[in-house]
Amino acid sequence: MRNYFFTSESVTEGHPDKIADRISDSILDAFLKEDRKQNLKLKEFSRVAIETIVFTGGCILVGQLTSKSFVNIPAVVRNTVKEIGYNLEWGYDPEYIAVITSIDPQSPDIAMGVNNPQEIESEEDIGAGDQGMMFGYATNETTQLMPAPIMLAHKLAQNLSKVRKSKILDYLGPDGKTQVTIYYENSKPRYIKDIVISNQHKDNV
């Protein structure tokens, strides 16, 4: 049995990490939406592997894309940033940010792993075009089967967004972060040691 402190953090949708993820996801969604509009076969669907780098005043989109559909990528980026809640007041105006793209067709080597010589009729027929490593485990500490520190941090971050969007705290900006530290005794959570909440806010607060 072990005694220790366990800390987890969560960020709101205006955090740069989340902005980047949401832009990449929105671009993928936009291409798949256009694919469906054209009634393309599954094997003809877009292959989108685009990463987003966010910086002051703009973003850079890099990666690979093979598609029969057209998507106005800068428009998707600007709309996504606007939906998150950014504007001129918060220093990241979707109307004026620079959108730089460096996107190439999908590598033939990667395509070999995705393409199937047989007719592709279902998702099960498609090979893997990427790989990743994940860390995590199930636990009975919470009803979500996730560790208590990360679930509490997520809930705090969700409520930060809620009070911002509902104007309960109208001085909050889109970028925020929460952190929760819990003491574990004999590998079981006993008490919350620290809670840290930081959020972008107006100068007069």
C-alpha atoms as a PDB file:
ATOM      1  CA  MET A   1       0.000   0.000   0.000  1.00  0.00           C
ATOM      2  CA  ARG A   2       1.188   3.516  -0.771  1.00  0.00           C
ATOM      3  CA  ASN A   3       0.546   7.029   0.508  1.00  0.00           C
ATOM      4  CA  TYR A   4       0.990   9.842  -1.994  1.00  0.00           C
ATOM      5  CA  PHE A   5      -0.361  13.038  -3.535  1.00  0.00           C
ATOM      6  CA  PHE A   6      -1.861  12.860  -7.027  1.00  0.00           C
ATOM      7  CA  THR A   7      -2.381  16.018  -9.090  1.00  0.00           C
ATOM      8  CA  SER A   8      -4.354  16.439 -12.305  1.00  0.00           C
ATOM      9  CA  GLU A   9      -5.240  19.481 -14.359  1.00  0.00           C
ATOM     10  CA  SER A  10      -7.843  20.430 -16.933  1.00  0.00           C
ATOM     11  CA  VAL A  11      -8.148  23.375 -19.303  1.00  0.00           C
ATOM     12  CA  THR A  12     -11.093  25.251 -20.802  1.00  0.00           C
ATOM     13  CA  GLU A  13     -11.839  25.480 -24.525  1.00  0.00           C
ATOM     14  CA  GLY A  14      -9.946  28.767 -24.839  1.00  0.00           C
ATOM     15  CA  HIS A  15      -6.622  27.289 -23.763  1.00  0.00           C
ATOM     16  CA  PRO A  16      -4.160  27.153 -26.711  1.00  0.00           C
ATOM     17  CA  ASP A  17      -3.973  23.343 -26.527  1.00  0.00           C
ATOM     18  CA  LYS A  18      -7.755  23.091 -26.803  1.00  0.00           C
ATOM     19  CA  ILE A  19      -7.957  25.703 -29.561  1.00  0.00           C
ATOM     20  CA  ALA A  20      -5.501  23.689 -31.640  1.00  0.00           C
ATOM     21  CA  ASP A  21      -7.352  20.412 -31.059  1.00  0.00           C
ATOM     22  CA  ARG A  22     -10.734  21.923 -31.840  1.00  0.00           C
ATOM     23  CA  ILE A  23      -9.534  23.535 -35.063  1.00  0.00           C
ATOM     24  CA  SER A  24      -8.088  20.226 -36.272  1.00  0.00           C
ATOM     25  CA  ASP A  25     -11.290  18.388 -35.304  1.00  0.00           C
ATOM     26  CA  SER A  26     -13.477  21.003 -37.004  1.00  0.00           C
ATOM     27  CA  ILE A  27     -11.532  20.699 -40.256  1.00  0.00           C
ATOM     28  CA  LEU A  28     -11.961  16.916 -40.216  1.00  0.00           C
ATOM     29  CA  ASP A  29     -15.688  17.275 -39.474  1.00  0.00           C
ATOM     30  CA  ALA A  30     -16.076  19.759 -42.336  1.00  0.00           C
ATOM     31  CA  PHE A  31     -14.482  17.409 -44.867  1.00  0.00           C
ATOM     32  CA  LEU A  32     -16.547  14.420 -43.730  1.00  0.00           C
ATOM     33  CA  LYS A  33     -19.699  16.543 -43.936  1.00  0.00           C
ATOM     34  CA  GLU A  34     -18.882  17.472 -47.529  1.00  0.00           C
ATOM     35  CA  ASP A  35     -18.097  13.824 -48.340  1.00  0.00           C
ATOM     36  CA  ARG A  36     -21.568  12.810 -47.184  1.00  0.00           C
ATOM     37  CA  LYS A  37     -23.186  15.600 -49.186  1.00  0.00           C
ATOM     38  CA  GLN A  38     -21.563  14.149 -52.305  1.00  0.00           C
ATOM     39  CA  ASN A  39     -22.710  10.620 -51.394  1.00  0.00           C
ATOM     40  CA  LEU A  40     -19.155   9.333 -51.719  1.00  0.00           C
ATOM     41  CA  LYS A  41     -18.408   5.695 -51.068  1.00  0.00           C
ATOM     42  CA  LEU A  42     -16.619   4.920 -47.825  1.00  0.00           C
ATOM     43  CA  LYS A  43     -13.350   4.205 -49.624  1.00  0.00           C
ATOM     44  CA  GLU A  44     -13.562   7.666 -51.234  1.00  0.00           C
ATOM     45  CA  PHE A  45     -13.938   9.566 -47.972  1.00  0.00           C
ATOM     46  CA  SER A  46     -11.399  12.252 -47.129  1.00  0.00           C
ATOM     47  CA  ARG A  47      -8.218  11.328 -45.322  1.00  0.00           C
ATOM     48  CA  VAL A  48      -7.343  14.202 -43.042  1.00  0.00           C
ATOM     49  CA  ALA A  49      -4.278  14.324 -40.802  1.00  0.00           C
ATOM     50  CA  ILE A  50      -3.870  17.993 -39.947  1.00  0.00           C
ATOM     51  CA  GLU A  51      -2.165  19.403 -36.875  1.00  0.00           C
ATOM     52  CA  THR A  52      -2.716  22.958 -35.677  1.00  0.00           C
ATOM     53  CA  ILE A  53      -0.115  25.256 -34.168  1.00  0.00           C
ATOM     54  CA  VAL A  54      -1.547  28.320 -32.428  1.00  0.00           C
ATOM     55  CA  PHE A  55       0.457  31.496 -31.950  1.00  0.00           C
ATOM     56  CA  THR A  56      -0.236  35.138 -31.129  1.00  0.00           C
ATOM     57  CA  GLY A  57      -2.165  36.572 -34.044  1.00  0.00           C
ATOM     58  CA  GLY A  58      -2.743  33.385 -35.984  1.00  0.00           C
ATOM     59  CA  CYS A  59      -2.269  29.663 -36.510  1.00  0.00           C
ATOM     60  CA  ILE A  60      -0.368  27.271 -38.752  1.00  0.00           C
ATOM     61  CA  LEU A  61      -1.966  24.139 -40.197  1.00  0.00           C
ATOM     62  CA  VAL A  62       0.407  21.346 -41.178  1.00  0.00           C
ATOM     63  CA  GLY A  63      -0.085  17.750 -42.229  1.00  0.00           C
ATOM     64  CA  GLN A  64      -1.536  15.603 -44.972  1.00  0.00           C
ATOM     65  CA  LEU A  65      -4.843  15.699 -46.802  1.00  0.00           C
ATOM     66  CA  THR A  66      -6.348  13.645 -49.612  1.00  0.00           C
ATOM     67  CA  SER A  67      -9.924  14.510 -50.520  1.00  0.00           C
ATOM     68  CA  LYS A  68     -12.435  14.821 -53.339  1.00  0.00           C
ATOM     69  CA  SER A  69     -14.280  17.478 -51.359  1.00  0.00           C
ATOM     70  CA  PHE A  70     -13.613  21.193 -51.035  1.00  0.00           C
ATOM     71  CA  VAL A  71     -13.591  22.946 -47.677  1.00  0.00           C
ATOM     72  CA  ASN A  72     -12.793  26.596 -47.058  1.00  0.00           C
ATOM     73  CA  ILE A  73     -10.232  25.862 -44.357  1.00  0.00           C
ATOM     74  CA  PRO A  74      -9.567  29.486 -43.263  1.00  0.00           C
ATOM     75  CA  ALA A  75     -13.322  29.999 -42.849  1.00  0.00           C
ATOM     76  CA  VAL A  76     -13.570  26.874 -40.681  1.00  0.00           C
ATOM     77  CA  VAL A  77     -10.681  28.120 -38.544  1.00  0.00           C
ATOM     78  CA  ARG A  78     -12.194  31.576 -38.048  1.00  0.00           C
ATOM     79  CA  ASN A  79     -15.641  30.204 -37.238  1.00  0.00           C
ATOM     80  CA  THR A  80     -14.175  27.762 -34.713  1.00  0.00           C
ATOM     81  CA  VAL A  81     -12.217  30.490 -32.934  1.00  0.00           C
ATOM     82  CA  LYS A  82     -15.374  32.629 -32.837  1.00  0.00           C
ATOM     83  CA  GLU A  83     -17.441  29.761 -31.381  1.00  0.00           C
ATOM     84  CA  ILE A  84     -14.858  29.295 -28.628  1.00  0.00           C
ATOM     85  CA  GLY A  85     -15.490  32.882 -27.576  1.00  0.00           C
ATOM     86  CA  TYR A  86     -12.494  34.823 -28.784  1.00  0.00           C
ATOM     87  CA  ASN A  87     -12.717  38.326 -30.215  1.00  0.00           C
ATOM     88  CA  LEU A  88     -10.682  41.518 -30.376  1.00  0.00           C
ATOM     89  CA  GLU A  89     -11.199  42.149 -26.654  1.00  0.00           C
ATOM     90  CA  TRP A  90      -9.496  38.869 -25.767  1.00  0.00           C
ATOM     91  CA  GLY A  91      -6.572  39.416 -28.116  1.00  0.00           C
ATOM     92  CA  TYR A  92      -7.340  36.740 -30.705  1.00  0.00           C
ATOM     93  CA  ASP A  93      -9.774  38.185 -33.222  1.00  0.00           C
ATOM     94  CA  PRO A  94     -11.105  35.508 -35.620  1.00  0.00           C
ATOM     95  CA  GLU A  95     -11.673  38.160 -38.284  1.00  0.00           C
ATOM     96  CA  TYR A  96      -8.011  39.136 -38.450  1.00  0.00           C
ATOM     97  CA  ILE A  97      -5.898  36.162 -37.348  1.00  0.00           C
ATOM     98  CA  ALA A  98      -3.462  34.800 -39.919  1.00  0.00           C
ATOM     99  CA  VAL A  99      -4.190  31.278 -41.167  1.00  0.00           C
ATOM    100  CA  ILE A 100      -1.072  29.688 -42.669  1.00  0.00           C
ATOM    101  CA  THR A 101      -1.297  26.257 -44.310  1.00  0.00           C
ATOM    102  CA  SER A 102       1.377  23.738 -45.262  1.00  0.00           C
ATOM    103  CA  ILE A 103      -0.642  20.684 -46.267  1.00  0.00           C
ATOM    104  CA  ASP A 104       0.484  17.912 -48.625  1.00  0.00           C
ATOM    105  CA  PRO A 105      -1.323  14.872 -50.087  1.00  0.00           C
ATOM    106  CA  GLN A 106      -1.266  11.715 -48.007  1.00  0.00           C
ATOM    107  CA  SER A 107       2.033   9.860 -48.147  1.00  0.00           C
ATOM    108  CA  PRO A 108       1.909   6.774 -50.424  1.00  0.00           C
ATOM    109  CA  ASP A 109       3.599   4.761 -47.655  1.00  0.00           C
ATOM    110  CA  ILE A 110       0.824   5.624 -45.199  1.00  0.00           C
ATOM    111  CA  ALA A 111      -1.826   5.046 -47.866  1.00  0.00           C
ATOM    112  CA  MET A 112      -0.550   1.469 -48.281  1.00  0.00           C
ATOM    113  CA  GLY A 113      -1.501   0.786 -44.679  1.00  0.00           C
ATOM    114  CA  VAL A 114      -4.963   2.244 -45.148  1.00  0.00           C
ATOM    115  CA  ASN A 115      -5.873   1.010 -48.602  1.00  0.00           C
ATOM    116  CA  ASN A 116      -7.321  -2.452 -48.906  1.00  0.00           C
ATOM    117  CA  PRO A 117      -7.050  -4.408 -52.141  1.00  0.00           C
ATOM    118  CA  GLN A 118     -10.530  -5.732 -51.447  1.00  0.00           C
ATOM    119  CA  GLU A 119     -13.628  -3.606 -51.887  1.00  0.00           C
ATOM    120  CA  ILE A 120     -14.052  -1.354 -48.856  1.00  0.00           C
ATOM    121  CA  GLU A 121     -17.653  -1.676 -47.736  1.00  0.00           C
ATOM    122  CA  SER A 122     -17.430  -1.013 -44.005  1.00  0.00           C
ATOM    123  CA  GLU A 123     -15.157   0.600 -41.436  1.00  0.00           C
ATOM    124  CA  GLU A 124     -13.794  -2.842 -40.547  1.00  0.00           C
ATOM    125  CA  ASP A 125     -12.237  -3.062 -44.011  1.00  0.00           C
ATOM    126  CA  ILE A 126     -10.068   0.027 -43.517  1.00  0.00           C
ATOM    127  CA  GLY A 127      -6.495  -0.331 -42.265  1.00  0.00           C
ATOM    128  CA  ALA A 128      -4.766   1.926 -39.746  1.00  0.00           C
ATOM    129  CA  GLY A 129      -3.284   5.182 -40.999  1.00  0.00           C
ATOM    130  CA  ASP A 130      -1.794   6.329 -37.716  1.00  0.00           C
ATOM    131  CA  GLN A 131      -0.791   5.092 -34.302  1.00  0.00           C
ATOM    132  CA  GLY A 132      -0.601   6.508 -30.812  1.00  0.00           C
ATOM    133  CA  MET A 133       0.270   5.786 -27.206  1.00  0.00           C
ATOM    134  CA  MET A 134      -2.243   6.433 -24.436  1.00  0.00           C
ATOM    135  CA  PHE A 135      -2.004   6.346 -20.656  1.00  0.00           C
ATOM    136  CA  GLY A 136      -4.963   5.641 -18.442  1.00  0.00           C
ATOM    137  CA  TYR A 137      -6.807   3.168 -16.285  1.00  0.00           C
ATOM    138  CA  ALA A 138     -10.272   2.444 -14.941  1.00  0.00           C
ATOM    139  CA  THR A 139     -10.981   2.984 -11.252  1.00  0.00           C
ATOM    140  CA  ASN A 140     -14.004   2.879  -8.962  1.00  0.00           C
ATOM    141  CA  GLU A 141     -13.119   6.251  -7.397  1.00  0.00           C
ATOM    142  CA  THR A 142     -15.811   7.956  -9.501  1.00  0.00           C
ATOM    143  CA  THR A 143     -18.948   6.936 -11.382  1.00  0.00           C
ATOM    144  CA  GLN A 144     -17.113   7.799 -14.612  1.00  0.00           C
ATOM    145  CA  LEU A 145     -14.464   5.181 -13.711  1.00  0.00           C
ATOM    146  CA  MET A 146     -11.796   7.876 -13.924  1.00  0.00           C
ATOM    147  CA  PRO A 147      -9.385   8.989 -11.165  1.00  0.00           C
ATOM    148  CA  ALA A 148     -10.909  11.538  -8.798  1.00  0.00           C
ATOM    149  CA  PRO A 149      -8.339  14.330  -9.403  1.00  0.00           C
ATOM    150  CA  ILE A 150      -8.934  14.524 -13.156  1.00  0.00           C
ATOM    151  CA  MET A 151     -12.728  14.283 -12.842  1.00  0.00           C
ATOM    152  CA  LEU A 152     -12.827  17.110 -10.291  1.00  0.00           C
ATOM    153  CA  ALA A 153     -10.485  19.210 -12.425  1.00  0.00           C
ATOM    154  CA  HIS A 154     -12.706  18.595 -15.477  1.00  0.00           C
ATOM    155  CA  LYS A 155     -15.850  19.589 -13.564  1.00  0.00           C
ATOM    156  CA  LEU A 156     -14.242  22.802 -12.360  1.00  0.00           C
ATOM    157  CA  ALA A 157     -13.149  23.644 -15.913  1.00  0.00           C
ATOM    158  CA  GLN A 158     -16.625  22.897 -17.253  1.00  0.00           C
ATOM    159  CA  ASN A 159     -18.150  25.220 -14.680  1.00  0.00           C
ATOM    160  CA  LEU A 160     -15.671  27.962 -15.562  1.00  0.00           C
ATOM    161  CA  SER A 161     -16.955  27.787 -19.130  1.00  0.00           C
ATOM    162  CA  LYS A 162     -20.557  27.675 -17.927  1.00  0.00           C
ATOM    163  CA  VAL A 163     -20.366  30.822 -15.797  1.00  0.00           C
ATOM    164  CA  ARG A 164     -18.490  32.624 -18.589  1.00  0.00           C
ATOM    165  CA  LYS A 165     -20.990  31.774 -21.323  1.00  0.00           C
ATOM    166  CA  SER A 166     -24.013  32.454 -19.117  1.00  0.00           C
ATOM    167  CA  LYS A 167     -22.533  35.859 -18.146  1.00  0.00           C
ATOM    168  CA  ILE A 168     -22.686  35.007 -14.437  1.00  0.00           C
ATOM    169  CA  LEU A 169     -19.025  36.028 -14.412  1.00  0.00           C
ATOM    170  CA  ASP A 170     -18.963  38.271 -17.462  1.00  0.00           C
ATOM    171  CA  TYR A 171     -15.372  39.314 -16.865  1.00  0.00           C
ATOM    172  CA  LEU A 172     -13.926  35.872 -17.664  1.00  0.00           C
ATOM    173  CA  GLY A 173     -12.152  35.116 -20.930  1.00  0.00           C
ATOM    174  CA  PRO A 174     -12.075  31.817 -22.843  1.00  0.00           C
ATOM    175  CA  ASP A 175      -8.679  30.644 -21.535  1.00  0.00           C
ATOM    176  CA  GLY A 176      -8.640  28.921 -18.158  1.00  0.00           C
ATOM    177  CA  LYS A 177      -7.030  26.110 -16.208  1.00  0.00           C
ATOM    178  CA  THR A 178      -7.895  24.084 -13.098  1.00  0.00           C
ATOM    179  CA  GLN A 179      -5.736  21.825 -10.950  1.00  0.00           C
ATOM    180  CA  VAL A 180      -6.702  19.434  -8.151  1.00  0.00           C
ATOM    181  CA  THR A 181      -4.374  17.609  -5.753  1.00  0.00           C
ATOM    182  CA  ILE A 182      -5.728  14.708  -3.688  1.00  0.00           C
ATOM    183  CA  TYR A 183      -3.993  12.821  -0.905  1.00  0.00           C
ATOM    184  CA  TYR A 184      -4.115   9.042  -1.257  1.00  0.00           C
ATOM    185  CA  GLU A 185      -3.744   6.810   1.775  1.00  0.00           C
ATOM    186  CA  ASN A 186      -3.177   3.130   1.089  1.00  0.00           C
ATOM    187  CA  SER A 187      -3.821   3.963  -2.572  1.00  0.00           C
ATOM    188  CA  LYS A 188      -7.298   5.346  -1.798  1.00  0.00           C
ATOM    189  CA  PRO A 189      -8.342   9.027  -2.031  1.00  0.00           C
ATOM    190  CA  ARG A 190      -8.727  10.589   1.424  1.00  0.00           C
ATOM    191  CA  TYR A 191      -8.922  14.363   1.057  1.00  0.00           C
ATOM    192  CA  ILE A 192      -8.361  17.253  -1.331  1.00  0.00           C
ATOM    193  CA  LYS A 193      -5.127  19.042  -0.489  1.00  0.00           C
ATOM    194  CA  ASP A 194      -5.086  21.830  -3.072  1.00  0.00           C
ATOM    195  CA  ILE A 195      -7.331  23.397  -5.696  1.00  0.00           C
ATOM    196  CA  VAL A 196      -5.906  25.907  -8.159  1.00  0.00           C
ATOM    197  CA  ILE A 197      -8.075  27.871 -10.600  1.00  0.00           C
ATOM    198  CA  SER A 198      -6.680  30.407 -13.046  1.00  0.00           C
ATOM    199  CA  ASN A 199      -8.608  32.149 -15.798  1.00  0.00           C
ATOM    200  CA  GLN A 200      -8.145  34.917 -18.320  1.00  0.00           C
ATOM    201  CA  HIS A 201     -10.074  37.997 -17.171  1.00  0.00           C
ATOM    202  CA  LYS A 202     -10.675  41.659 -17.875  1.00  0.00           C
ATOM    203  CA  ASP A 203      -8.116  44.188 -16.662  1.00  0.00           C
ATOM    204  CA  ASN A 204     -10.511  45.890 -14.246  1.00  0.00           C
ATOM    205  CA  VAL A 205     -11.027  42.765 -12.135  1.00  0.00           C
END
